Amino acid sequence: MVRGKIQLKRIENATSRQVTFSKRRNGLLKKAYELSVLCEAEVAAIVFSQKGRLYEFSSSDIQMIIERYHNRTKGGQLNNIAEEQYIQQLRSETAIMEKKIGLLDVSQRQLFGYGLSFCNSEELQEMENQLVRSLQRIRERKARILMDHIKHLKEKERLILEENARISGKALLSPLPPEDYKNGLLVL
């Protein structure tokens, strides 16, 4: 036998309504229990009958779950306000950054020699001074790198010369037997 689709509306017969309430209440509490066991969820179900009787299920302390619910819903409203403020702050920071990026882009284009027709002589002189200072810093950095590289190579040369002298000293101290020479050449 196939169950028909039940039309959701108030059951007029009081006895049938009470029987349906009892069965569905038990089914609801059973489903809450299954959800808590299968998914390790904290579940609380509270049902009041038409006559005011309380039926409840809780997977843990119901007071703690209710307090957690209250904190979450109150905090949710506060979170929405804080979230809106945060979004507004991010929007204003984004606008500021966009302006800075625009100014930097114009400045970079000018330093490459584009868009100079709108600059007056003082601005052009300032850009020239800035380029001269930048070029000087670049040359100083390049000179430091080259000096460090030269120092490194001199240290490497010194170590190679020491190793060469050590090997030459060993060769002079220990004469080789005649069989190591072949036609007057040293065979290694």
N, C-alpha and C. Protein backbone atom coordinates (compact mmCIF):
# COMPACT_ATOMS: atom_id res chain seq x y z
N MET A 1 0.85 -1.18 0.00
CA MET A 1 0.00 0.00 0.00
C MET A 1 0.89 1.24 0.00
N VAL A 2 0.61 2.18 -0.86
CA VAL A 2 1.41 3.38 -1.02
C VAL A 2 0.81 4.49 -0.17
N ARG A 3 1.74 5.17 0.52
CA ARG A 3 1.29 6.29 1.33
C ARG A 3 0.96 7.47 0.43
N GLY A 4 -0.12 8.10 0.65
CA GLY A 4 -0.49 9.26 -0.15
C GLY A 4 0.16 10.51 0.42
N LYS A 5 0.20 11.56 -0.39
CA LYS A 5 0.78 12.81 0.06
C LYS A 5 -0.21 13.48 1.01
N ILE A 6 0.29 13.87 2.18
CA ILE A 6 -0.57 14.47 3.18
C ILE A 6 -0.62 15.97 2.95
N GLN A 7 -1.81 16.50 2.96
CA GLN A 7 -1.98 17.93 2.79
C GLN A 7 -1.72 18.58 4.15
N LEU A 8 -0.83 19.56 4.17
CA LEU A 8 -0.48 20.20 5.44
C LEU A 8 -1.50 21.26 5.80
N LYS A 9 -2.31 20.92 6.75
CA LYS A 9 -3.28 21.85 7.32
C LYS A 9 -3.65 21.31 8.68
N ARG A 10 -4.24 22.14 9.48
CA ARG A 10 -4.61 21.76 10.84
C ARG A 10 -5.60 20.60 10.81
N ILE A 11 -5.32 19.58 11.67
CA ILE A 11 -6.22 18.43 11.79
C ILE A 11 -7.37 18.84 12.69
N GLU A 12 -8.58 18.71 12.19
CA GLU A 12 -9.75 19.19 12.93
C GLU A 12 -10.15 18.26 14.07
N ASN A 13 -10.03 16.96 13.88
CA ASN A 13 -10.40 16.00 14.91
C ASN A 13 -9.36 16.03 16.02
N ALA A 14 -9.75 16.33 17.26
CA ALA A 14 -8.84 16.49 18.39
C ALA A 14 -8.10 15.19 18.69
N THR A 15 -8.76 14.06 18.61
CA THR A 15 -8.12 12.78 18.90
C THR A 15 -7.07 12.47 17.84
N SER A 16 -7.43 12.64 16.60
CA SER A 16 -6.47 12.40 15.51
C SER A 16 -5.29 13.36 15.63
N ARG A 17 -5.57 14.62 16.00
CA ARG A 17 -4.50 15.61 16.16
C ARG A 17 -3.54 15.18 17.26
N GLN A 18 -4.09 14.68 18.39
CA GLN A 18 -3.25 14.26 19.51
C GLN A 18 -2.40 13.05 19.14
N VAL A 19 -2.98 12.10 18.42
CA VAL A 19 -2.25 10.91 17.99
C VAL A 19 -1.13 11.30 17.02
N THR A 20 -1.45 12.17 16.07
CA THR A 20 -0.44 12.62 15.11
C THR A 20 0.68 13.37 15.83
N PHE A 21 0.30 14.24 16.78
CA PHE A 21 1.33 14.98 17.54
C PHE A 21 2.25 14.03 18.27
N SER A 22 1.68 13.03 18.93
CA SER A 22 2.48 12.09 19.70
C SER A 22 3.44 11.32 18.79
N LYS A 23 2.94 10.81 17.66
CA LYS A 23 3.79 10.03 16.77
C LYS A 23 4.89 10.91 16.15
N ARG A 24 4.51 12.07 15.67
CA ARG A 24 5.50 12.93 15.01
C ARG A 24 6.50 13.50 16.02
N ARG A 25 6.04 13.76 17.24
CA ARG A 25 6.96 14.23 18.29
C ARG A 25 8.00 13.16 18.56
N ASN A 26 7.57 11.93 18.70
CA ASN A 26 8.51 10.84 18.95
C ASN A 26 9.46 10.68 17.76
N GLY A 27 8.94 10.81 16.54
CA GLY A 27 9.79 10.73 15.36
C GLY A 27 10.81 11.86 15.32
N LEU A 28 10.37 13.06 15.68
CA LEU A 28 11.28 14.21 15.69
C LEU A 28 12.39 14.01 16.73
N LEU A 29 12.04 13.59 17.92
CA LEU A 29 13.05 13.38 18.97
C LEU A 29 13.99 12.23 18.59
N LYS A 30 13.44 11.20 17.92
CA LYS A 30 14.29 10.10 17.47
C LYS A 30 15.28 10.59 16.40
N LYS A 31 14.81 11.42 15.48
CA LYS A 31 15.70 11.96 14.44
C LYS A 31 16.78 12.85 15.08
N ALA A 32 16.42 13.63 16.11
CA ALA A 32 17.40 14.47 16.79
C ALA A 32 18.47 13.60 17.45
N TYR A 33 18.04 12.50 18.08
CA TYR A 33 18.99 11.57 18.70
C TYR A 33 19.92 10.96 17.64
N GLU A 34 19.35 10.51 16.52
CA GLU A 34 20.15 9.89 15.47
C GLU A 34 21.17 10.89 14.90
N LEU A 35 20.74 12.12 14.72
CA LEU A 35 21.65 13.15 14.21
C LEU A 35 22.81 13.38 15.19
N SER A 36 22.52 13.41 16.48
CA SER A 36 23.58 13.63 17.46
C SER A 36 24.56 12.47 17.50
N VAL A 37 24.06 11.23 17.36
CA VAL A 37 24.92 10.05 17.42
C VAL A 37 25.72 9.90 16.13
N LEU A 38 25.06 9.98 14.99
CA LEU A 38 25.72 9.74 13.72
C LEU A 38 26.73 10.83 13.36
N CYS A 39 26.41 12.07 13.68
CA CYS A 39 27.26 13.19 13.23
C CYS A 39 28.00 13.87 14.37
N GLU A 40 27.89 13.36 15.56
CA GLU A 40 28.51 13.96 16.74
C GLU A 40 28.17 15.44 16.84
N ALA A 41 26.91 15.76 16.54
CA ALA A 41 26.46 17.15 16.60
C ALA A 41 25.81 17.39 17.95
N GLU A 42 25.89 18.63 18.40
CA GLU A 42 25.16 19.00 19.62
C GLU A 42 23.76 19.38 19.19
N VAL A 43 22.78 18.62 19.66
CA VAL A 43 21.40 18.80 19.23
C VAL A 43 20.53 19.03 20.44
N ALA A 44 19.63 20.00 20.30
CA ALA A 44 18.61 20.23 21.33
C ALA A 44 17.30 20.44 20.60
N ALA A 45 16.26 19.69 21.02
CA ALA A 45 14.93 19.85 20.44
C ALA A 45 13.96 20.10 21.58
N ILE A 46 13.19 21.16 21.46
CA ILE A 46 12.21 21.52 22.50
C ILE A 46 10.85 21.62 21.82
N VAL A 47 9.87 20.89 22.36
CA VAL A 47 8.52 20.89 21.80
C VAL A 47 7.54 21.12 22.94
N PHE A 48 6.60 22.07 22.70
CA PHE A 48 5.51 22.29 23.64
C PHE A 48 4.23 21.80 22.98
N SER A 49 3.46 21.00 23.73
CA SER A 49 2.19 20.52 23.19
C SER A 49 1.16 21.64 23.24
N GLN A 50 -0.01 21.36 22.67
CA GLN A 50 -1.07 22.36 22.65
C GLN A 50 -1.52 22.69 24.07
N LYS A 51 -1.39 21.74 24.97
CA LYS A 51 -1.79 21.96 26.36
C LYS A 51 -0.66 22.51 27.21
N GLY A 52 0.52 22.75 26.60
CA GLY A 52 1.62 23.37 27.33
C GLY A 52 2.62 22.40 27.93
N ARG A 53 2.49 21.12 27.64
CA ARG A 53 3.46 20.16 28.14
C ARG A 53 4.77 20.31 27.37
N LEU A 54 5.86 20.13 28.12
CA LEU A 54 7.20 20.27 27.54
C LEU A 54 7.77 18.90 27.21
N TYR A 55 8.29 18.77 25.99
CA TYR A 55 9.00 17.57 25.56
C TYR A 55 10.35 18.07 25.01
N GLU A 56 11.42 17.42 25.44
CA GLU A 56 12.74 17.90 25.01
C GLU A 56 13.70 16.74 24.82
N PHE A 57 14.69 17.00 23.99
CA PHE A 57 15.81 16.09 23.81
C PHE A 57 17.06 16.95 23.72
N SER A 58 18.14 16.48 24.33
CA SER A 58 19.40 17.19 24.23
C SER A 58 20.53 16.17 24.25
N SER A 59 21.48 16.37 23.34
CA SER A 59 22.61 15.46 23.28
C SER A 59 23.62 15.74 24.39
N SER A 60 23.58 16.95 24.95
CA SER A 60 24.41 17.31 26.10
C SER A 60 23.57 18.24 26.96
N ASP A 61 24.21 19.00 27.83
CA ASP A 61 23.48 19.89 28.74
C ASP A 61 22.66 20.90 27.94
N ILE A 62 21.35 20.84 28.11
CA ILE A 62 20.47 21.69 27.31
C ILE A 62 20.67 23.17 27.63
N GLN A 63 20.98 23.48 28.87
CA GLN A 63 21.21 24.89 29.26
C GLN A 63 22.42 25.45 28.51
N MET A 64 23.47 24.65 28.41
CA MET A 64 24.66 25.11 27.69
C MET A 64 24.35 25.33 26.21
N ILE A 65 23.56 24.44 25.62
CA ILE A 65 23.21 24.59 24.21
C ILE A 65 22.36 25.84 24.01
N ILE A 66 21.42 26.09 24.92
CA ILE A 66 20.57 27.28 24.80
C ILE A 66 21.40 28.55 24.98
N GLU A 67 22.33 28.56 25.95
CA GLU A 67 23.20 29.73 26.13
C GLU A 67 24.07 29.95 24.89
N ARG A 68 24.57 28.87 24.35
CA ARG A 68 25.37 28.97 23.13
C ARG A 68 24.55 29.54 21.98
N TYR A 69 23.31 29.11 21.89
CA TYR A 69 22.41 29.62 20.87
C TYR A 69 22.18 31.13 21.06
N HIS A 70 21.90 31.53 22.29
CA HIS A 70 21.68 32.96 22.57
C HIS A 70 22.92 33.78 22.25
N ASN A 71 24.08 33.29 22.68
CA ASN A 71 25.32 34.02 22.39
C ASN A 71 25.55 34.14 20.89
N ARG A 72 25.26 33.06 20.16
CA ARG A 72 25.48 33.07 18.72
C ARG A 72 24.54 34.03 18.02
N THR A 73 23.26 34.04 18.44
CA THR A 73 22.32 34.94 17.76
C THR A 73 22.56 36.40 18.12
N LYS A 74 22.89 36.69 19.36
CA LYS A 74 23.23 38.06 19.74
C LYS A 74 24.53 38.46 19.07
N GLY A 75 25.51 37.57 19.14
CA GLY A 75 26.80 37.83 18.52
C GLY A 75 26.67 37.94 17.01
N GLY A 76 25.70 37.23 16.44
CA GLY A 76 25.50 37.30 15.01
C GLY A 76 25.09 38.69 14.57
N GLN A 77 24.23 39.33 15.36
CA GLN A 77 23.84 40.70 15.03
C GLN A 77 25.03 41.63 15.18
N LEU A 78 25.80 41.44 16.25
CA LEU A 78 26.99 42.27 16.45
C LEU A 78 28.03 41.99 15.36
N ASN A 79 28.14 40.71 14.97
CA ASN A 79 29.08 40.35 13.92
C ASN A 79 28.72 41.03 12.60
N ASN A 80 27.41 41.12 12.30
CA ASN A 80 26.99 41.78 11.07
C ASN A 80 27.40 43.24 11.07
N ILE A 81 27.25 43.91 12.20
CA ILE A 81 27.63 45.32 12.31
C ILE A 81 29.14 45.45 12.16
N ALA A 82 29.88 44.61 12.88
CA ALA A 82 31.34 44.65 12.80
C ALA A 82 31.81 44.31 11.39
N GLU A 83 31.13 43.35 10.77
CA GLU A 83 31.49 42.95 9.41
C GLU A 83 31.25 44.10 8.44
N GLU A 84 30.14 44.79 8.58
CA GLU A 84 29.86 45.95 7.72
C GLU A 84 30.91 47.04 7.91
N GLN A 85 31.31 47.29 9.16
CA GLN A 85 32.34 48.29 9.43
C GLN A 85 33.67 47.87 8.81
N TYR A 86 33.98 46.61 8.92
CA TYR A 86 35.22 46.09 8.35
C TYR A 86 35.22 46.23 6.83
N ILE A 87 34.08 45.89 6.21
CA ILE A 87 33.97 46.01 4.75
C ILE A 87 34.11 47.46 4.34
N GLN A 88 33.48 48.37 5.09
CA GLN A 88 33.60 49.79 4.78
C GLN A 88 35.04 50.26 4.91
N GLN A 89 35.73 49.79 5.95
CA GLN A 89 37.14 50.14 6.14
C GLN A 89 37.98 49.63 4.96
N LEU A 90 37.72 48.40 4.53
CA LEU A 90 38.44 47.85 3.39
C LEU A 90 38.17 48.64 2.12
N ARG A 91 36.93 49.08 1.94
CA ARG A 91 36.61 49.88 0.75
C ARG A 91 37.37 51.20 0.76
N SER A 92 37.43 51.85 1.92
CA SER A 92 38.15 53.12 1.98
C SER A 92 39.65 52.90 1.77
N GLU A 93 40.20 51.83 2.34
CA GLU A 93 41.62 51.52 2.12
C GLU A 93 41.88 51.21 0.64
N THR A 94 40.94 50.53 0.00
CA THR A 94 41.07 50.22 -1.42
C THR A 94 41.09 51.50 -2.25
N ALA A 95 40.21 52.44 -1.91
CA ALA A 95 40.17 53.71 -2.64
C ALA A 95 41.49 54.47 -2.47
N ILE A 96 42.02 54.47 -1.25
CA ILE A 96 43.30 55.15 -0.99
C ILE A 96 44.42 54.48 -1.79
N MET A 97 44.44 53.14 -1.79
CA MET A 97 45.47 52.41 -2.54
C MET A 97 45.35 52.68 -4.04
N GLU A 98 44.12 52.75 -4.55
CA GLU A 98 43.95 53.04 -5.98
C GLU A 98 44.50 54.41 -6.32
N LYS A 99 44.29 55.39 -5.45
CA LYS A 99 44.84 56.73 -5.69
C LYS A 99 46.36 56.69 -5.68
N LYS A 100 46.94 55.97 -4.70
CA LYS A 100 48.40 55.86 -4.62
C LYS A 100 48.96 55.17 -5.86
N ILE A 101 48.30 54.12 -6.30
CA ILE A 101 48.76 53.39 -7.49
C ILE A 101 48.71 54.32 -8.70
N GLY A 102 47.65 55.09 -8.81
CA GLY A 102 47.54 56.03 -9.91
C GLY A 102 48.67 57.05 -9.90
N LEU A 103 48.97 57.60 -8.72
CA LEU A 103 50.06 58.57 -8.61
C LEU A 103 51.41 57.93 -8.94
N LEU A 104 51.62 56.71 -8.46
CA LEU A 104 52.87 56.01 -8.76
C LEU A 104 52.99 55.71 -10.26
N ASP A 105 51.88 55.37 -10.89
CA ASP A 105 51.90 55.10 -12.31
C ASP A 105 52.27 56.35 -13.10
N VAL A 106 51.68 57.49 -12.72
CA VAL A 106 52.01 58.76 -13.39
C VAL A 106 53.48 59.09 -13.17
N SER A 107 53.94 58.92 -11.92
CA SER A 107 55.33 59.21 -11.60
C SER A 107 56.28 58.32 -12.40
N GLN A 108 55.96 57.05 -12.50
CA GLN A 108 56.80 56.12 -13.25
C GLN A 108 56.83 56.50 -14.73
N ARG A 109 55.68 56.83 -15.28
CA ARG A 109 55.64 57.23 -16.69
C ARG A 109 56.49 58.47 -16.92
N GLN A 110 56.42 59.41 -15.98
CA GLN A 110 57.22 60.63 -16.11
C GLN A 110 58.71 60.33 -16.02
N LEU A 111 59.09 59.41 -15.11
CA LEU A 111 60.50 59.07 -14.99
C LEU A 111 61.02 58.37 -16.25
N PHE A 112 60.13 57.71 -16.98
CA PHE A 112 60.53 57.10 -18.25
C PHE A 112 60.44 58.09 -19.41
N GLY A 113 60.01 59.32 -19.12
CA GLY A 113 60.00 60.36 -20.13
C GLY A 113 58.68 60.54 -20.84
N TYR A 114 57.61 59.92 -20.36
CA TYR A 114 56.29 60.06 -20.99
C TYR A 114 55.44 61.01 -20.16
N GLY A 115 54.57 61.73 -20.80
CA GLY A 115 53.63 62.62 -20.11
C GLY A 115 54.30 63.81 -19.47
N LEU A 116 55.39 64.27 -20.01
CA LEU A 116 56.12 65.40 -19.43
C LEU A 116 55.57 66.75 -19.91
N SER A 117 54.69 66.73 -20.90
CA SER A 117 54.20 67.99 -21.45
C SER A 117 53.36 68.78 -20.45
N PHE A 118 52.83 68.10 -19.42
CA PHE A 118 52.02 68.79 -18.42
C PHE A 118 52.83 69.25 -17.22
N CYS A 119 54.14 69.00 -17.22
CA CYS A 119 55.00 69.37 -16.08
C CYS A 119 55.59 70.76 -16.30
N ASN A 120 55.70 71.51 -15.19
CA ASN A 120 56.36 72.82 -15.27
C ASN A 120 57.86 72.61 -15.04
N SER A 121 58.61 73.69 -15.13
CA SER A 121 60.07 73.58 -15.04
C SER A 121 60.53 73.10 -13.67
N GLU A 122 59.84 73.49 -12.60
CA GLU A 122 60.23 73.05 -11.24
C GLU A 122 60.05 71.54 -11.10
N GLU A 123 58.94 71.02 -11.61
CA GLU A 123 58.70 69.59 -11.54
C GLU A 123 59.74 68.83 -12.36
N LEU A 124 60.07 69.36 -13.53
CA LEU A 124 61.09 68.70 -14.36
C LEU A 124 62.45 68.72 -13.67
N GLN A 125 62.78 69.84 -13.01
CA GLN A 125 64.05 69.93 -12.29
C GLN A 125 64.07 68.93 -11.13
N GLU A 126 62.95 68.79 -10.42
CA GLU A 126 62.87 67.84 -9.30
C GLU A 126 63.03 66.40 -9.81
N MET A 127 62.40 66.08 -10.95
CA MET A 127 62.56 64.74 -11.53
C MET A 127 64.01 64.48 -11.93
N GLU A 128 64.65 65.49 -12.50
CA GLU A 128 66.05 65.34 -12.87
C GLU A 128 66.91 65.08 -11.65
N ASN A 129 66.68 65.85 -10.58
CA ASN A 129 67.43 65.66 -9.33
C ASN A 129 67.19 64.26 -8.78
N GLN A 130 65.96 63.81 -8.85
CA GLN A 130 65.62 62.47 -8.35
C GLN A 130 66.35 61.41 -9.17
N LEU A 131 66.39 61.56 -10.46
CA LEU A 131 67.09 60.60 -11.32
C LEU A 131 68.59 60.61 -11.04
N VAL A 132 69.17 61.80 -10.82
CA VAL A 132 70.60 61.90 -10.51
C VAL A 132 70.90 61.18 -9.20
N ARG A 133 70.06 61.41 -8.17
CA ARG A 133 70.26 60.74 -6.88
C ARG A 133 70.13 59.23 -7.04
N SER A 134 69.14 58.79 -7.81
CA SER A 134 68.94 57.35 -8.02
C SER A 134 70.13 56.75 -8.75
N LEU A 135 70.62 57.44 -9.77
CA LEU A 135 71.78 56.96 -10.52
C LEU A 135 73.01 56.86 -9.62
N GLN A 136 73.17 57.82 -8.72
CA GLN A 136 74.30 57.80 -7.79
C GLN A 136 74.20 56.60 -6.85
N ARG A 137 73.01 56.34 -6.33
CA ARG A 137 72.82 55.18 -5.44
C ARG A 137 73.10 53.88 -6.20
N ILE A 138 72.67 53.83 -7.45
CA ILE A 138 72.90 52.62 -8.25
C ILE A 138 74.40 52.41 -8.47
N ARG A 139 75.11 53.47 -8.78
CA ARG A 139 76.56 53.35 -9.00
C ARG A 139 77.27 52.94 -7.72
N GLU A 140 76.84 53.50 -6.57
CA GLU A 140 77.45 53.11 -5.29
C GLU A 140 77.21 51.64 -5.00
N ARG A 141 76.01 51.18 -5.24
CA ARG A 141 75.68 49.78 -5.00
C ARG A 141 76.49 48.88 -5.93
N LYS A 142 76.60 49.26 -7.19
CA LYS A 142 77.38 48.49 -8.15
C LYS A 142 78.84 48.42 -7.72
N ALA A 143 79.40 49.55 -7.26
CA ALA A 143 80.80 49.57 -6.81
C ALA A 143 80.99 48.64 -5.61
N ARG A 144 80.05 48.66 -4.67
CA ARG A 144 80.14 47.76 -3.50
C ARG A 144 80.11 46.31 -3.93
N ILE A 145 79.21 45.98 -4.84
CA ILE A 145 79.11 44.59 -5.30
C ILE A 145 80.40 44.17 -5.98
N LEU A 146 80.94 45.04 -6.84
CA LEU A 146 82.20 44.71 -7.52
C LEU A 146 83.35 44.56 -6.52
N MET A 147 83.43 45.44 -5.52
CA MET A 147 84.49 45.33 -4.51
C MET A 147 84.36 44.03 -3.72
N ASP A 148 83.15 43.67 -3.36
CA ASP A 148 82.94 42.41 -2.65
C ASP A 148 83.36 41.23 -3.53
N HIS A 149 83.03 41.31 -4.80
CA HIS A 149 83.40 40.23 -5.73
C HIS A 149 84.93 40.15 -5.87
N ILE A 150 85.58 41.29 -5.94
CA ILE A 150 87.05 41.32 -6.03
C ILE A 150 87.67 40.73 -4.77
N LYS A 151 87.15 41.11 -3.60
CA LYS A 151 87.65 40.55 -2.33
C LYS A 151 87.49 39.04 -2.32
N HIS A 152 86.34 38.57 -2.77
CA HIS A 152 86.08 37.13 -2.80
C HIS A 152 87.07 36.42 -3.73
N LEU A 153 87.31 37.00 -4.91
CA LEU A 153 88.25 36.39 -5.85
C LEU A 153 89.68 36.41 -5.32
N LYS A 154 90.09 37.51 -4.63
CA LYS A 154 91.43 37.57 -4.04
C LYS A 154 91.60 36.52 -2.95
N GLU A 155 90.56 36.32 -2.16
CA GLU A 155 90.61 35.29 -1.11
C GLU A 155 90.72 33.91 -1.75
N LYS A 156 89.99 33.70 -2.83
CA LYS A 156 90.05 32.43 -3.54
C LYS A 156 91.45 32.23 -4.13
N GLU A 157 92.05 33.29 -4.69
CA GLU A 157 93.40 33.22 -5.24
C GLU A 157 94.41 32.87 -4.14
N ARG A 158 94.25 33.51 -2.98
CA ARG A 158 95.16 33.24 -1.86
C ARG A 158 95.07 31.78 -1.44
N LEU A 159 93.85 31.24 -1.34
CA LEU A 159 93.68 29.84 -0.96
C LEU A 159 94.28 28.90 -2.01
N ILE A 160 94.12 29.23 -3.27
CA ILE A 160 94.69 28.39 -4.34
C ILE A 160 96.22 28.43 -4.29
N LEU A 161 96.80 29.62 -4.06
CA LEU A 161 98.26 29.72 -3.96
C LEU A 161 98.78 28.93 -2.76
N GLU A 162 98.07 29.00 -1.63
CA GLU A 162 98.48 28.22 -0.45
C GLU A 162 98.42 26.73 -0.75
N GLU A 163 97.35 26.30 -1.41
CA GLU A 163 97.21 24.88 -1.75
C GLU A 163 98.31 24.46 -2.73
N ASN A 164 98.62 25.32 -3.67
CA ASN A 164 99.68 25.05 -4.65
C ASN A 164 101.03 24.92 -3.94
N ALA A 165 101.31 25.84 -3.01
CA ALA A 165 102.58 25.78 -2.27
C ALA A 165 102.64 24.52 -1.42
N ARG A 166 101.55 24.15 -0.81
CA ARG A 166 101.51 22.94 0.02
C ARG A 166 101.78 21.71 -0.84
N ILE A 167 101.15 21.64 -1.99
CA ILE A 167 101.34 20.49 -2.88
C ILE A 167 102.77 20.47 -3.42
N SER A 168 103.30 21.65 -3.78
CA SER A 168 104.69 21.72 -4.29
C SER A 168 105.67 21.30 -3.20
N GLY A 169 105.41 21.69 -1.96
CA GLY A 169 106.28 21.29 -0.84
C GLY A 169 106.27 19.80 -0.64
N LYS A 170 105.12 19.17 -0.77
CA LYS A 170 105.03 17.72 -0.62
C LYS A 170 105.80 17.03 -1.74
N ALA A 171 105.68 17.57 -2.95
CA ALA A 171 106.35 16.96 -4.10
C ALA A 171 107.87 17.04 -3.94
N LEU A 172 108.40 18.12 -3.40
CA LEU A 172 109.84 18.28 -3.21
C LEU A 172 110.35 17.41 -2.06
N LEU A 173 109.53 17.19 -1.06
CA LEU A 173 109.96 16.41 0.11
C LEU A 173 110.00 14.92 -0.17
N SER A 174 109.14 14.44 -1.01
CA SER A 174 109.12 12.99 -1.25
C SER A 174 109.52 12.70 -2.69
N PRO A 175 110.77 12.23 -2.88
CA PRO A 175 111.21 11.90 -4.25
C PRO A 175 110.49 10.66 -4.73
N LEU A 176 110.23 10.60 -6.01
CA LEU A 176 109.51 9.48 -6.60
C LEU A 176 110.50 8.40 -7.03
N PRO A 177 110.12 7.15 -6.91
CA PRO A 177 110.98 6.06 -7.38
C PRO A 177 111.12 6.13 -8.90
N PRO A 178 112.22 5.59 -9.44
CA PRO A 178 112.50 5.69 -10.87
C PRO A 178 111.43 5.08 -11.75
N GLU A 179 110.66 4.08 -11.26
CA GLU A 179 109.65 3.48 -12.13
C GLU A 179 108.48 4.43 -12.40
N ASP A 180 108.35 5.52 -11.60
CA ASP A 180 107.29 6.50 -11.84
C ASP A 180 107.65 7.44 -12.97
N TYR A 181 108.89 7.40 -13.40
CA TYR A 181 109.32 8.25 -14.52
C TYR A 181 109.34 7.39 -15.78
N LYS A 182 108.86 7.93 -16.85
CA LYS A 182 108.89 7.19 -18.10
C LYS A 182 109.44 8.15 -19.15
N ASN A 183 110.60 7.84 -19.65
CA ASN A 183 111.28 8.69 -20.62
C ASN A 183 111.50 10.10 -20.06
N GLY A 184 111.77 10.20 -18.77
CA GLY A 184 112.06 11.50 -18.15
C GLY A 184 110.79 12.27 -17.76
N LEU A 185 109.58 11.66 -17.94
CA LEU A 185 108.34 12.32 -17.58
C LEU A 185 107.72 11.65 -16.37
N LEU A 186 107.12 12.44 -15.54
CA LEU A 186 106.47 11.92 -14.36
C LEU A 186 105.13 11.33 -14.78
N VAL A 187 104.88 10.07 -14.39
CA VAL A 187 103.62 9.41 -14.69
C VAL A 187 102.80 9.34 -13.42
N LEU A 188 101.63 9.89 -13.47
CA LEU A 188 100.75 9.87 -12.28
C LEU A 188 99.64 8.89 -12.43
